[in-house]
PDB file of N, CA and C in Angstrom:
ATOM      1  N   MET A   1     163.742 190.106 185.804  1.00  0.00           N
ATOM      2  CA  MET A   1     164.136 188.956 184.901  1.00  0.00           C
ATOM      3  C   MET A   1     165.315 188.348 185.633  1.00  0.00           C
ATOM      4  N   ARG A   2     166.370 189.235 185.934  1.00  0.00           N
ATOM      5  CA  ARG A   2     167.410 188.842 186.726  1.00  0.00           C
ATOM      6  C   ARG A   2     167.183 188.205 187.868  1.00  0.00           C
ATOM      7  N   ASN A   3     166.550 189.027 188.724  1.00  0.00           N
ATOM      8  CA  ASN A   3     166.119 188.866 190.013  1.00  0.00           C
ATOM      9  C   ASN A   3     165.356 187.711 189.925  1.00  0.00           C
ATOM     10  N   LEU A   4     164.234 187.402 189.362  1.00  0.00           N
ATOM     11  CA  LEU A   4     163.584 185.966 189.231  1.00  0.00           C
ATOM     12  C   LEU A   4     164.750 185.057 188.886  1.00  0.00           C
ATOM     13  N   LEU A   5     165.445 184.848 188.049  1.00  0.00           N
ATOM     14  CA  LEU A   5     166.347 183.996 187.792  1.00  0.00           C
ATOM     15  C   LEU A   5     167.432 183.374 188.765  1.00  0.00           C
ATOM     16  N   SER A   6     167.826 184.366 189.544  1.00  0.00           N
ATOM     17  CA  SER A   6     168.296 184.255 190.706  1.00  0.00           C
ATOM     18  C   SER A   6     167.570 183.518 191.721  1.00  0.00           C
ATOM     19  N   LYS A   7     166.383 183.934 192.142  1.00  0.00           N
ATOM     20  CA  LYS A   7     165.372 183.073 192.995  1.00  0.00           C
ATOM     21  C   LYS A   7     165.112 181.721 192.634  1.00  0.00           C
ATOM     22  N   VAL A   8     165.089 181.524 191.068  1.00  0.00           N
ATOM     23  CA  VAL A   8     164.776 180.052 190.691  1.00  0.00           C
ATOM     24  C   VAL A   8     166.235 179.095 191.239  1.00  0.00           C
ATOM     25  N   THR A   9     167.040 179.703 190.653  1.00  0.00           N
ATOM     26  CA  THR A   9     168.751 179.167 190.772  1.00  0.00           C
ATOM     27  C   THR A   9     168.564 178.958 192.302  1.00  0.00           C
ATOM     28  N   GLY A  10     168.271 179.720 193.430  1.00  0.00           N
ATOM     29  CA  GLY A  10     168.496 179.759 194.680  1.00  0.00           C
ATOM     30  C   GLY A  10     167.587 178.383 195.159  1.00  0.00           C
ATOM     31  N   ILE A  11     166.358 178.230 194.775  1.00  0.00           N
ATOM     32  CA  ILE A  11     165.132 177.393 194.830  1.00  0.00           C
ATOM     33  C   ILE A  11     165.974 175.993 194.603  1.00  0.00           C
ATOM     34  N   VAL A  12     166.354 175.741 193.304  1.00  0.00           N
ATOM     35  CA  VAL A  12     166.771 174.498 192.910  1.00  0.00           C
ATOM     36  C   VAL A  12     168.018 174.201 193.461  1.00  0.00           C
ATOM     37  N   ALA A  13     168.865 175.016 193.836  1.00  0.00           N
ATOM     38  CA  ALA A  13     170.092 174.672 194.836  1.00  0.00           C
ATOM     39  C   ALA A  13     169.880 174.149 196.254  1.00  0.00           C
ATOM     40  N   GLY A  14     168.738 174.804 196.695  1.00  0.00           N
ATOM     41  CA  GLY A  14     168.344 174.082 198.021  1.00  0.00           C
ATOM     42  C   GLY A  14     167.773 172.993 197.854  1.00  0.00           C
ATOM     43  N   LEU A  15     166.744 172.789 196.994  1.00  0.00           N
ATOM     44  CA  LEU A  15     166.097 171.661 196.757  1.00  0.00           C
ATOM     45  C   LEU A  15     166.871 170.093 196.488  1.00  0.00           C
ATOM     46  N   LEU A  16     167.976 170.742 195.649  1.00  0.00           N
ATOM     47  CA  LEU A  16     168.612 169.606 194.879  1.00  0.00           C
ATOM     48  C   LEU A  16     169.251 168.302 195.922  1.00  0.00           C
ATOM     49  N   PRO A  17     169.799 168.929 197.100  1.00  0.00           N
ATOM     50  CA  PRO A  17     170.438 167.799 198.307  1.00  0.00           C
ATOM     51  C   PRO A  17     169.155 167.201 198.472  1.00  0.00           C
ATOM     52  N   VAL A  18     168.157 167.718 198.908  1.00  0.00           N
ATOM     53  CA  VAL A  18     166.733 166.842 199.571  1.00  0.00           C
ATOM     54  C   VAL A  18     166.580 165.846 198.427  1.00  0.00           C
ATOM     55  N   LEU A  19     166.253 166.527 197.339  1.00  0.00           N
ATOM     56  CA  LEU A  19     165.829 165.114 196.178  1.00  0.00           C
ATOM     57  C   LEU A  19     166.764 164.180 196.017  1.00  0.00           C
ATOM     58  N   LEU A  20     168.172 164.669 196.050  1.00  0.00           N
ATOM     59  CA  LEU A  20     168.990 163.479 195.801  1.00  0.00           C
ATOM     60  C   LEU A  20     169.163 162.398 197.209  1.00  0.00           C
ATOM     61  N   LEU A  21     168.897 162.816 198.349  1.00  0.00           N
ATOM     62  CA  LEU A  21     168.808 162.070 199.487  1.00  0.00           C
ATOM     63  C   LEU A  21     167.656 161.231 199.510  1.00  0.00           C
ATOM     64  N   SER A  22     166.568 161.823 198.725  1.00  0.00           N
ATOM     65  CA  SER A  22     165.066 160.580 199.134  1.00  0.00           C
ATOM     66  C   SER A  22     164.960 160.100 197.523  1.00  0.00           C
ATOM     67  N   ALA A  23     165.891 160.058 196.991  1.00  0.00           N
ATOM     68  CA  ALA A  23     165.698 159.448 195.470  1.00  0.00           C
ATOM     69  C   ALA A  23     165.240 157.994 195.837  1.00  0.00           C
ATOM     70  N   PRO A  24     164.417 157.668 194.858  1.00  0.00           N
ATOM     71  CA  PRO A  24     164.003 156.006 194.669  1.00  0.00           C
ATOM     72  C   PRO A  24     165.325 155.027 195.057  1.00  0.00           C
ATOM     73  N   GLY A  25     164.927 154.069 195.304  1.00  0.00           N
ATOM     74  CA  GLY A  25     165.939 152.849 195.725  1.00  0.00           C
ATOM     75  C   GLY A  25     166.684 153.133 197.067  1.00  0.00           C
ATOM     76  N   ASP A  26     166.182 154.373 197.758  1.00  0.00           N
ATOM     77  CA  ASP A  26     166.798 154.478 199.088  1.00  0.00           C
ATOM     78  C   ASP A  26     166.839 153.203 200.148  1.00  0.00           C
ATOM     79  N   ALA A  27     167.558 153.043 200.901  1.00  0.00           N
ATOM     80  CA  ALA A  27     167.546 152.187 201.816  1.00  0.00           C
ATOM     81  C   ALA A  27     166.694 152.245 202.949  1.00  0.00           C
ATOM     82  N   ARG A  28     166.298 153.386 203.318  1.00  0.00           N
ATOM     83  CA  ARG A  28     164.766 153.768 204.131  1.00  0.00           C
ATOM     84  C   ARG A  28     163.860 152.980 203.563  1.00  0.00           C
ATOM     85  N   GLU A  29     163.500 153.554 202.443  1.00  0.00           N
ATOM     86  CA  GLU A  29     162.350 153.178 201.353  1.00  0.00           C
ATOM     87  C   GLU A  29     162.107 151.576 201.376  1.00  0.00           C
ATOM     88  N   ALA A  30     163.248 150.967 201.020  1.00  0.00           N
ATOM     89  CA  ALA A  30     163.039 149.504 200.906  1.00  0.00           C
ATOM     90  C   ALA A  30     162.912 148.938 202.214  1.00  0.00           C
ATOM     91  N   ALA A  31     163.331 149.449 203.334  1.00  0.00           N
ATOM     92  CA  ALA A  31     163.151 148.889 204.692  1.00  0.00           C
ATOM     93  C   ALA A  31     161.541 148.948 204.895  1.00  0.00           C
ATOM     94  N   ALA A  32     161.053 150.451 204.514  1.00  0.00           N
ATOM     95  CA  ALA A  32     159.369 150.548 204.974  1.00  0.00           C
ATOM     96  C   ALA A  32     158.664 149.640 204.242  1.00  0.00           C
ATOM     97  N   THR A  33     159.116 149.337 202.835  1.00  0.00           N
ATOM     98  CA  THR A  33     158.120 148.858 201.734  1.00  0.00           C
ATOM     99  C   THR A  33     158.108 147.305 201.952  1.00  0.00           C
ATOM    100  N   SER A  34     159.410 146.778 202.494  1.00  0.00           N
ATOM    101  CA  SER A  34     159.307 145.504 202.524  1.00  0.00           C
ATOM    102  C   SER A  34     158.475 144.796 203.424  1.00  0.00           C
ATOM    103  N   SER A  35     158.112 145.308 204.593  1.00  0.00           N
ATOM    104  CA  SER A  35     156.962 144.833 205.577  1.00  0.00           C
ATOM    105  C   SER A  35     155.671 144.898 205.093  1.00  0.00           C
ATOM    106  N   HIS A  36     155.272 145.965 204.344  1.00  0.00           N
ATOM    107  CA  HIS A  36     154.019 146.130 203.722  1.00  0.00           C
ATOM    108  C   HIS A  36     153.260 145.109 202.869  1.00  0.00           C
ATOM    109  N   TRP A  37     152.236 144.949 203.109  1.00  0.00           N
ATOM    110  CA  TRP A  37     151.207 143.558 202.761  1.00  0.00           C
ATOM    111  C   TRP A  37     151.256 143.805 201.474  1.00  0.00           C
ATOM    112  N   ALA A  38     151.799 144.597 200.619  1.00  0.00           N
ATOM    113  CA  ALA A  38     151.579 144.513 199.014  1.00  0.00           C
ATOM    114  C   ALA A  38     152.783 143.908 198.712  1.00  0.00           C
ATOM    115  N   TRP A  39     153.564 143.738 199.405  1.00  0.00           N
ATOM    116  CA  TRP A  39     155.252 143.220 198.886  1.00  0.00           C
ATOM    117  C   TRP A  39     155.224 141.744 199.279  1.00  0.00           C
ATOM    118  N   SER A  40     154.230 141.300 200.145  1.00  0.00           N
ATOM    119  CA  SER A  40     154.057 139.604 200.488  1.00  0.00           C
ATOM    120  C   SER A  40     153.818 139.039 199.202  1.00  0.00           C
ATOM    121  N   PRO A  41     154.280 137.918 199.286  1.00  0.00           N
ATOM    122  CA  PRO A  41     153.994 136.902 198.208  1.00  0.00           C
ATOM    123  C   PRO A  41     152.972 136.180 198.487  1.00  0.00           C
ATOM    124  N   LEU A  42     152.023 136.249 197.036  1.00  0.00           N
ATOM    125  CA  LEU A  42     150.704 135.618 197.168  1.00  0.00           C
ATOM    126  C   LEU A  42     150.809 134.130 197.487  1.00  0.00           C
ATOM    127  N   GLY A  43     149.520 133.788 198.157  1.00  0.00           N
ATOM    128  CA  GLY A  43     149.334 132.498 198.468  1.00  0.00           C
ATOM    129  C   GLY A  43     148.046 131.972 198.495  1.00  0.00           C
ATOM    130  N   LYS A  44     147.840 130.456 198.429  1.00  0.00           N
ATOM    131  CA  LYS A  44     146.561 129.949 198.379  1.00  0.00           C
ATOM    132  C   LYS A  44     145.462 130.266 199.703  1.00  0.00           C
ATOM    133  N   THR A  45     144.625 130.802 199.327  1.00  0.00           N
ATOM    134  CA  THR A  45     143.283 131.205 200.546  1.00  0.00           C
ATOM    135  C   THR A  45     142.279 129.884 200.293  1.00  0.00           C
ATOM    136  N   ALA A  46     142.011 129.602 201.286  1.00  0.00           N
ATOM    137  CA  ALA A  46     140.935 128.677 201.501  1.00  0.00           C
ATOM    138  C   ALA A  46     139.594 129.185 201.135  1.00  0.00           C
ATOM    139  N   LEU A  47     138.815 128.933 200.155  1.00  0.00           N
ATOM    140  CA  LEU A  47     137.169 129.436 200.436  1.00  0.00           C
ATOM    141  C   LEU A  47     136.518 129.140 201.721  1.00  0.00           C
ATOM    142  N   PRO A  48     136.009 130.341 202.229  1.00  0.00           N
ATOM    143  CA  PRO A  48     134.884 130.066 203.183  1.00  0.00           C
ATOM    144  C   PRO A  48     133.741 129.225 202.838  1.00  0.00           C
ATOM    145  N   SER A  49     133.121 128.532 203.716  1.00  0.00           N
ATOM    146  CA  SER A  49     131.756 127.984 203.389  1.00  0.00           C
ATOM    147  C   SER A  49     130.962 129.002 203.514  1.00  0.00           C
ATOM    148  N   SER A  50     130.165 129.432 202.625  1.00  0.00           N
ATOM    149  CA  SER A  50     129.085 130.574 202.557  1.00  0.00           C
ATOM    150  C   SER A  50     127.829 130.007 202.929  1.00  0.00           C
ATOM    151  N   GLY A  51     127.648 128.741 202.570  1.00  0.00           N
ATOM    152  CA  GLY A  51     126.422 128.076 202.829  1.00  0.00           C
ATOM    153  C   GLY A  51     125.384 128.512 202.275  1.00  0.00           C
ATOM    154  N   SER A  52     125.437 129.330 200.947  1.00  0.00           N
ATOM    155  CA  SER A  52     124.712 129.857 199.908  1.00  0.00           C
ATOM    156  C   SER A  52     124.435 129.474 198.771  1.00  0.00           C
ATOM    157  N   PRO A  53     123.299 128.935 198.230  1.00  0.00           N
ATOM    158  CA  PRO A  53     123.435 128.254 197.051  1.00  0.00           C
ATOM    159  C   PRO A  53     123.593 129.288 195.848  1.00  0.00           C
ATOM    160  N   ARG A  54     123.568 130.606 195.992  1.00  0.00           N
ATOM    161  CA  ARG A  54     123.712 131.767 194.942  1.00  0.00           C
ATOM    162  C   ARG A  54     125.010 132.086 194.986  1.00  0.00           C
ATOM    163  N   ALA A  55     126.224 131.367 195.785  1.00  0.00           N
ATOM    164  CA  ALA A  55     127.543 131.609 195.350  1.00  0.00           C
ATOM    165  C   ALA A  55     127.734 130.986 194.175  1.00  0.00           C
ATOM    166  N   LYS A  56     128.258 131.561 193.155  1.00  0.00           N
ATOM    167  CA  LYS A  56     128.636 131.099 191.723  1.00  0.00           C
ATOM    168  C   LYS A  56     130.269 131.213 191.441  1.00  0.00           C
ATOM    169  N   THR A  57     130.999 132.138 192.100  1.00  0.00           N
ATOM    170  CA  THR A  57     132.273 132.356 191.955  1.00  0.00           C
ATOM    171  C   THR A  57     132.776 132.363 193.318  1.00  0.00           C
ATOM    172  N   PRO A  58     134.247 132.285 193.236  1.00  0.00           N
ATOM    173  CA  PRO A  58     134.980 132.400 194.346  1.00  0.00           C
ATOM    174  C   PRO A  58     134.783 133.580 195.110  1.00  0.00           C
ATOM    175  N   LEU A  59     134.833 134.485 194.594  1.00  0.00           N
ATOM    176  CA  LEU A  59     134.450 135.907 195.230  1.00  0.00           C
ATOM    177  C   LEU A  59     132.975 136.080 195.834  1.00  0.00           C
ATOM    178  N   ASP A  60     132.027 134.850 195.289  1.00  0.00           N
ATOM    179  CA  ASP A  60     130.815 134.946 196.350  1.00  0.00           C
ATOM    180  C   ASP A  60     130.816 134.417 197.449  1.00  0.00           C
ATOM    181  N   HIS A  61     131.822 133.332 197.706  1.00  0.00           N
ATOM    182  CA  HIS A  61     131.882 132.616 199.043  1.00  0.00           C
ATOM    183  C   HIS A  61     132.341 133.598 199.896  1.00  0.00           C
ATOM    184  N   PHE A  62     133.240 134.230 199.536  1.00  0.00           N
ATOM    185  CA  PHE A  62     133.893 135.254 200.586  1.00  0.00           C
ATOM    186  C   PHE A  62     132.774 136.606 200.950  1.00  0.00           C
ATOM    187  N   ILE A  63     131.767 136.913 200.356  1.00  0.00           N
ATOM    188  CA  ILE A  63     130.994 137.871 200.182  1.00  0.00           C
ATOM    189  C   ILE A  63     129.483 137.452 201.227  1.00  0.00           C
ATOM    190  N   PHE A  64     129.610 136.174 200.525  1.00  0.00           N
ATOM    191  CA  PHE A  64     128.040 135.730 201.349  1.00  0.00           C
ATOM    192  C   PHE A  64     128.696 135.220 202.842  1.00  0.00           C
ATOM    193  N   SER A  65     129.871 134.822 203.143  1.00  0.00           N
ATOM    194  CA  SER A  65     130.545 134.359 204.343  1.00  0.00           C
ATOM    195  C   SER A  65     130.521 135.767 205.388  1.00  0.00           C
ATOM    196  N   ARG A  66     130.917 136.528 204.909  1.00  0.00           N
ATOM    197  CA  ARG A  66     130.828 137.787 205.546  1.00  0.00           C
ATOM    198  C   ARG A  66     129.587 138.349 205.807  1.00  0.00           C
ATOM    199  N   LEU A  67     128.510 138.158 204.995  1.00  0.00           N
ATOM    200  CA  LEU A  67     127.038 138.585 205.177  1.00  0.00           C
ATOM    201  C   LEU A  67     126.705 138.166 206.598  1.00  0.00           C
ATOM    202  N   SER A  68     127.010 136.563 206.064  1.00  0.00           N
ATOM    203  CA  SER A  68     126.435 135.868 207.140  1.00  0.00           C
ATOM    204  C   SER A  68     126.921 135.963 208.673  1.00  0.00           C
ATOM    205  N   ASP A  69     128.366 136.228 208.708  1.00  0.00           N
ATOM    206  CA  ASP A  69     128.974 136.557 209.954  1.00  0.00           C
ATOM    207  C   ASP A  69     128.246 137.920 210.583  1.00  0.00           C
ATOM    208  N   ALA A  70     127.975 138.697 209.692  1.00  0.00           N
ATOM    209  CA  ALA A  70     127.417 139.827 210.086  1.00  0.00           C
ATOM    210  C   ALA A  70     125.890 139.963 210.638  1.00  0.00           C
ATOM    211  N   GLY A  71     125.332 138.516 210.129  1.00  0.00           N
ATOM    212  CA  GLY A  71     123.865 138.377 210.563  1.00  0.00           C
ATOM    213  C   GLY A  71     123.139 139.167 209.105  1.00  0.00           C
ATOM    214  N   VAL A  72     123.519 139.316 208.446  1.00  0.00           N
ATOM    215  CA  VAL A  72     122.661 140.296 207.273  1.00  0.00           C
ATOM    216  C   VAL A  72     122.360 139.190 206.083  1.00  0.00           C
ATOM    217  N   GLN A  73     121.351 139.503 205.551  1.00  0.00           N
ATOM    218  CA  GLN A  73     120.710 138.543 204.307  1.00  0.00           C
ATOM    219  C   GLN A  73     120.975 139.302 203.147  1.00  0.00           C
ATOM    220  N   PRO A  74     121.259 138.648 202.361  1.00  0.00           N
ATOM    221  CA  PRO A  74     121.343 139.485 200.921  1.00  0.00           C
ATOM    222  C   PRO A  74     120.275 139.960 200.200  1.00  0.00           C
ATOM    223  N   ALA A  75     120.043 140.972 199.610  1.00  0.00           N
ATOM    224  CA  ALA A  75     119.229 141.313 198.625  1.00  0.00           C
ATOM    225  C   ALA A  75     118.686 140.160 197.879  1.00  0.00           C
ATOM    226  N   PRO A  76     117.338 139.985 197.607  1.00  0.00           N
ATOM    227  CA  PRO A  76     116.867 139.214 196.847  1.00  0.00           C
ATOM    228  C   PRO A  76     117.395 139.174 195.201  1.00  0.00           C
ATOM    229  N   GLU A  77     117.499 138.105 194.464  1.00  0.00           N
ATOM    230  CA  GLU A  77     118.030 138.366 193.213  1.00  0.00           C
ATOM    231  C   GLU A  77     116.900 139.178 192.213  1.00  0.00           C
ATOM    232  N   ALA A  78     117.316 140.092 191.626  1.00  0.00           N
ATOM    233  CA  ALA A  78     116.802 141.030 190.649  1.00  0.00           C
ATOM    234  C   ALA A  78     116.201 140.363 189.749  1.00  0.00           C
ATOM    235  N   ALA A  79     114.768 140.666 188.971  1.00  0.00           N
ATOM    236  CA  ALA A  79     114.167 140.165 188.196  1.00  0.00           C
ATOM    237  C   ALA A  79     115.076 140.412 186.707  1.00  0.00           C
ATOM    238  N   PRO A  80     115.121 139.589 185.669  1.00  0.00           N
ATOM    239  CA  PRO A  80     115.756 139.856 184.494  1.00  0.00           C
ATOM    240  C   PRO A  80     115.654 141.363 183.904  1.00  0.00           C
ATOM    241  N   ARG A  81     114.341 141.619 183.843  1.00  0.00           N
ATOM    242  CA  ARG A  81     114.204 143.145 183.547  1.00  0.00           C
ATOM    243  C   ARG A  81     114.928 144.090 184.047  1.00  0.00           C
ATOM    244  N   GLU A  82     114.954 143.940 185.465  1.00  0.00           N
ATOM    245  CA  GLU A  82     115.502 144.840 186.291  1.00  0.00           C
ATOM    246  C   GLU A  82     117.225 144.674 186.335  1.00  0.00           C
ATOM    247  N   LEU A  83     117.369 143.557 186.185  1.00  0.00           N
ATOM    248  CA  LEU A  83     118.833 143.145 185.869  1.00  0.00           C
ATOM    249  C   LEU A  83     119.411 144.224 184.740  1.00  0.00           C
ATOM    250  N   LEU A  84     118.651 143.829 183.534  1.00  0.00           N
ATOM    251  CA  LEU A  84     119.120 144.341 182.477  1.00  0.00           C
ATOM    252  C   LEU A  84     119.427 145.891 182.498  1.00  0.00           C
ATOM    253  N   ARG A  85     118.108 146.326 183.002  1.00  0.00           N
ATOM    254  CA  ARG A  85     118.323 147.878 183.311  1.00  0.00           C
ATOM    255  C   ARG A  85     119.163 148.492 184.284  1.00  0.00           C
ATOM    256  N   ARG A  86     119.627 147.570 185.097  1.00  0.00           N
ATOM    257  CA  ARG A  86     120.657 148.120 186.179  1.00  0.00           C
ATOM    258  C   ARG A  86     122.132 148.080 185.120  1.00  0.00           C
ATOM    259  N   VAL A  87     122.338 147.336 184.911  1.00  0.00           N
ATOM    260  CA  VAL A  87     123.611 147.229 184.101  1.00  0.00           C
ATOM    261  C   VAL A  87     123.709 147.719 183.184  1.00  0.00           C
ATOM    262  N   HIS A  88     122.752 148.071 182.334  1.00  0.00           N
ATOM    263  CA  HIS A  88     122.519 149.335 181.195  1.00  0.00           C
ATOM    264  C   HIS A  88     123.119 150.561 181.631  1.00  0.00           C
ATOM    265  N   LEU A  89     122.304 150.855 182.798  1.00  0.00           N
ATOM    266  CA  LEU A  89     122.218 152.401 183.368  1.00  0.00           C
ATOM    267  C   LEU A  89     123.838 152.312 184.144  1.00  0.00           C
ATOM    268  N   ASP A  90     124.259 151.610 184.635  1.00  0.00           N
ATOM    269  CA  ASP A  90     125.305 151.313 185.391  1.00  0.00           C
ATOM    270  C   ASP A  90     126.715 151.591 184.382  1.00  0.00           C
ATOM    271  N   LEU A  91     126.568 150.966 182.898  1.00  0.00           N
ATOM    272  CA  LEU A  91     127.914 150.722 182.380  1.00  0.00           C
ATOM    273  C   LEU A  91     127.809 152.137 181.451  1.00  0.00           C
ATOM    274  N   THR A  92     126.389 152.363 180.973  1.00  0.00           N
ATOM    275  CA  THR A  92     126.283 153.363 179.803  1.00  0.00           C
ATOM    276  C   THR A  92     125.711 154.859 180.150  1.00  0.00           C
ATOM    277  N   GLY A  93     124.958 154.838 181.263  1.00  0.00           N
ATOM    278  CA  GLY A  93     124.010 156.001 181.836  1.00  0.00           C
ATOM    279  C   GLY A  93     123.129 155.747 180.715  1.00  0.00           C
ATOM    280  N   LEU A  94     122.635 154.822 180.097  1.00  0.00           N
ATOM    281  CA  LEU A  94     121.172 154.840 179.309  1.00  0.00           C
ATOM    282  C   LEU A  94     120.497 153.683 179.720  1.00  0.00           C
ATOM    283  N   PRO A  95     119.095 153.682 179.282  1.00  0.00           N
ATOM    284  CA  PRO A  95     118.431 152.376 179.689  1.00  0.00           C
ATOM    285  C   PRO A  95     118.476 151.722 178.283  1.00  0.00           C
ATOM    286  N   PRO A  96     118.049 150.204 178.479  1.00  0.00           N
ATOM    287  CA  PRO A  96     118.457 149.509 177.207  1.00  0.00           C
ATOM    288  C   PRO A  96     117.145 149.836 176.303  1.00  0.00           C
ATOM    289  N   THR A  97     117.501 149.721 174.886  1.00  0.00           N
ATOM    290  CA  THR A  97     116.464 149.957 173.954  1.00  0.00           C
ATOM    291  C   THR A  97     115.214 148.545 173.905  1.00  0.00           C
ATOM    292  N   PRO A  98     114.210 149.057 173.440  1.00  0.00           N
ATOM    293  CA  PRO A  98     113.181 147.795 173.582  1.00  0.00           C
ATOM    294  C   PRO A  98     113.554 146.676 172.872  1.00  0.00           C
ATOM    295  N   VAL A  99     114.446 146.613 171.987  1.00  0.00           N
ATOM    296  CA  VAL A  99     115.018 145.417 170.929  1.00  0.00           C
ATOM    297  C   VAL A  99     115.851 144.598 171.995  1.00  0.00           C
ATOM    298  N   GLU A 100     116.911 145.766 172.723  1.00  0.00           N
ATOM    299  CA  GLU A 100     117.842 144.770 173.755  1.00  0.00           C
ATOM    300  C   GLU A 100     117.030 144.044 174.926  1.00  0.00           C
ATOM    301  N   MET A 101     116.076 144.803 175.326  1.00  0.00           N
ATOM    302  CA  MET A 101     115.347 144.119 176.544  1.00  0.00           C
ATOM    303  C   MET A 101     114.523 142.885 176.048  1.00  0.00           C
ATOM    304  N   GLU A 102     113.945 143.119 174.876  1.00  0.00           N
ATOM    305  CA  GLU A 102     113.030 141.798 174.242  1.00  0.00           C
ATOM    306  C   GLU A 102     114.216 140.725 174.042  1.00  0.00           C
ATOM    307  N   ALA A 103     115.267 140.783 173.568  1.00  0.00           N
ATOM    308  CA  ALA A 103     116.454 139.925 173.339  1.00  0.00           C
ATOM    309  C   ALA A 103     116.733 139.284 174.377  1.00  0.00           C
ATOM    310  N   PHE A 104     117.070 139.873 175.357  1.00  0.00           N
ATOM    311  CA  PHE A 104     117.277 139.588 176.855  1.00  0.00           C
ATOM    312  C   PHE A 104     116.359 138.649 177.568  1.00  0.00           C
ATOM    313  N   LEU A 105     115.129 139.257 177.482  1.00  0.00           N
ATOM    314  CA  LEU A 105     114.217 138.529 178.092  1.00  0.00           C
ATOM    315  C   LEU A 105     113.823 137.232 177.410  1.00  0.00           C
ATOM    316  N   ARG A 106     114.150 136.909 176.446  1.00  0.00           N
ATOM    317  CA  ARG A 106     113.982 135.541 175.488  1.00  0.00           C
ATOM    318  C   ARG A 106     115.053 134.725 175.955  1.00  0.00           C
ATOM    319  N   ASP A 107     116.269 135.015 176.753  1.00  0.00           N
ATOM    320  CA  ASP A 107     117.171 134.270 177.126  1.00  0.00           C
ATOM    321  C   ASP A 107     117.982 134.898 178.437  1.00  0.00           C
ATOM    322  N   PRO A 108     117.154 134.914 179.545  1.00  0.00           N
ATOM    323  CA  PRO A 108     118.003 135.768 180.658  1.00  0.00           C
ATOM    324  C   PRO A 108     118.744 134.886 181.399  1.00  0.00           C
ATOM    325  N   GLY A 109     119.559 134.211 180.877  1.00  0.00           N
ATOM    326  CA  GLY A 109     120.412 133.293 181.844  1.00  0.00           C
ATOM    327  C   GLY A 109     121.884 133.854 182.105  1.00  0.00           C
ATOM    328  N   ASP A 110     122.656 133.145 182.843  1.00  0.00           N
ATOM    329  CA  ASP A 110     123.851 133.848 183.221  1.00  0.00           C
ATOM    330  C   ASP A 110     124.878 133.888 181.943  1.00  0.00           C
ATOM    331  N   GLU A 111     124.789 133.325 181.101  1.00  0.00           N
ATOM    332  CA  GLU A 111     125.560 133.648 179.947  1.00  0.00           C
ATOM    333  C   GLU A 111     125.332 134.711 179.064  1.00  0.00           C
ATOM    334  N   ALA A 112     123.642 134.711 179.169  1.00  0.00           N
ATOM    335  CA  ALA A 112     123.633 135.952 178.350  1.00  0.00           C
ATOM    336  C   ALA A 112     123.745 137.221 179.154  1.00  0.00           C
ATOM    337  N   TYR A 113     123.486 137.197 180.219  1.00  0.00           N
ATOM    338  CA  TYR A 113     124.194 138.351 181.057  1.00  0.00           C
ATOM    339  C   TYR A 113     125.414 138.748 180.794  1.00  0.00           C
ATOM    340  N   ALA A 114     126.330 137.841 180.823  1.00  0.00           N
ATOM    341  CA  ALA A 114     127.708 137.962 180.502  1.00  0.00           C
ATOM    342  C   ALA A 114     128.093 138.676 179.232  1.00  0.00           C
ATOM    343  N   ARG A 115     127.248 137.982 178.296  1.00  0.00           N
ATOM    344  CA  ARG A 115     127.352 138.635 176.985  1.00  0.00           C
ATOM    345  C   ARG A 115     126.951 140.239 176.914  1.00  0.00           C
ATOM    346  N   VAL A 116     125.637 140.559 177.512  1.00  0.00           N
ATOM    347  CA  VAL A 116     125.212 141.832 177.659  1.00  0.00           C
ATOM    348  C   VAL A 116     126.489 142.887 178.170  1.00  0.00           C
ATOM    349  N   VAL A 117     127.118 142.272 179.479  1.00  0.00           N
ATOM    350  CA  VAL A 117     128.129 143.057 179.846  1.00  0.00           C
ATOM    351  C   VAL A 117     129.131 143.190 178.852  1.00  0.00           C
ATOM    352  N   ASP A 118     129.940 142.113 178.715  1.00  0.00           N
ATOM    353  CA  ASP A 118     131.093 142.320 177.349  1.00  0.00           C
ATOM    354  C   ASP A 118     130.454 143.042 176.453  1.00  0.00           C
ATOM    355  N   GLY A 119     129.302 142.986 175.700  1.00  0.00           N
ATOM    356  CA  GLY A 119     129.058 144.003 174.640  1.00  0.00           C
ATOM    357  C   GLY A 119     128.667 145.354 175.118  1.00  0.00           C
ATOM    358  N   LEU A 120     128.770 145.838 176.176  1.00  0.00           N
ATOM    359  CA  LEU A 120     128.518 147.169 176.623  1.00  0.00           C
ATOM    360  C   LEU A 120     129.963 147.663 176.564  1.00  0.00           C
TER     361      LEU A 120
END
């Protein structure tokens, strides 16, 4: 027991100076992080012209623009039944119930989809 205590004391004594020298707030750390992109101030970014009528949100414009630059066509929009099944499986791991499917198919718009996602 005494031997173990002396080993632990020796390890702590050896590591303490290293830990103190590399403490947060160190000038070297500040210099390294100040040039990192994460510390840059946020700025306004102009939306690229995606040319896609499917772009509904600002993020969509960036995605469709990159797809266009790469010469790739986006996959066709999913049918409402497929869309509901995908979102249920993605978020819960379970398929929608027949009642949920019927309710969604009566009103398959964007607002109904947003309500389903919020409800899951």
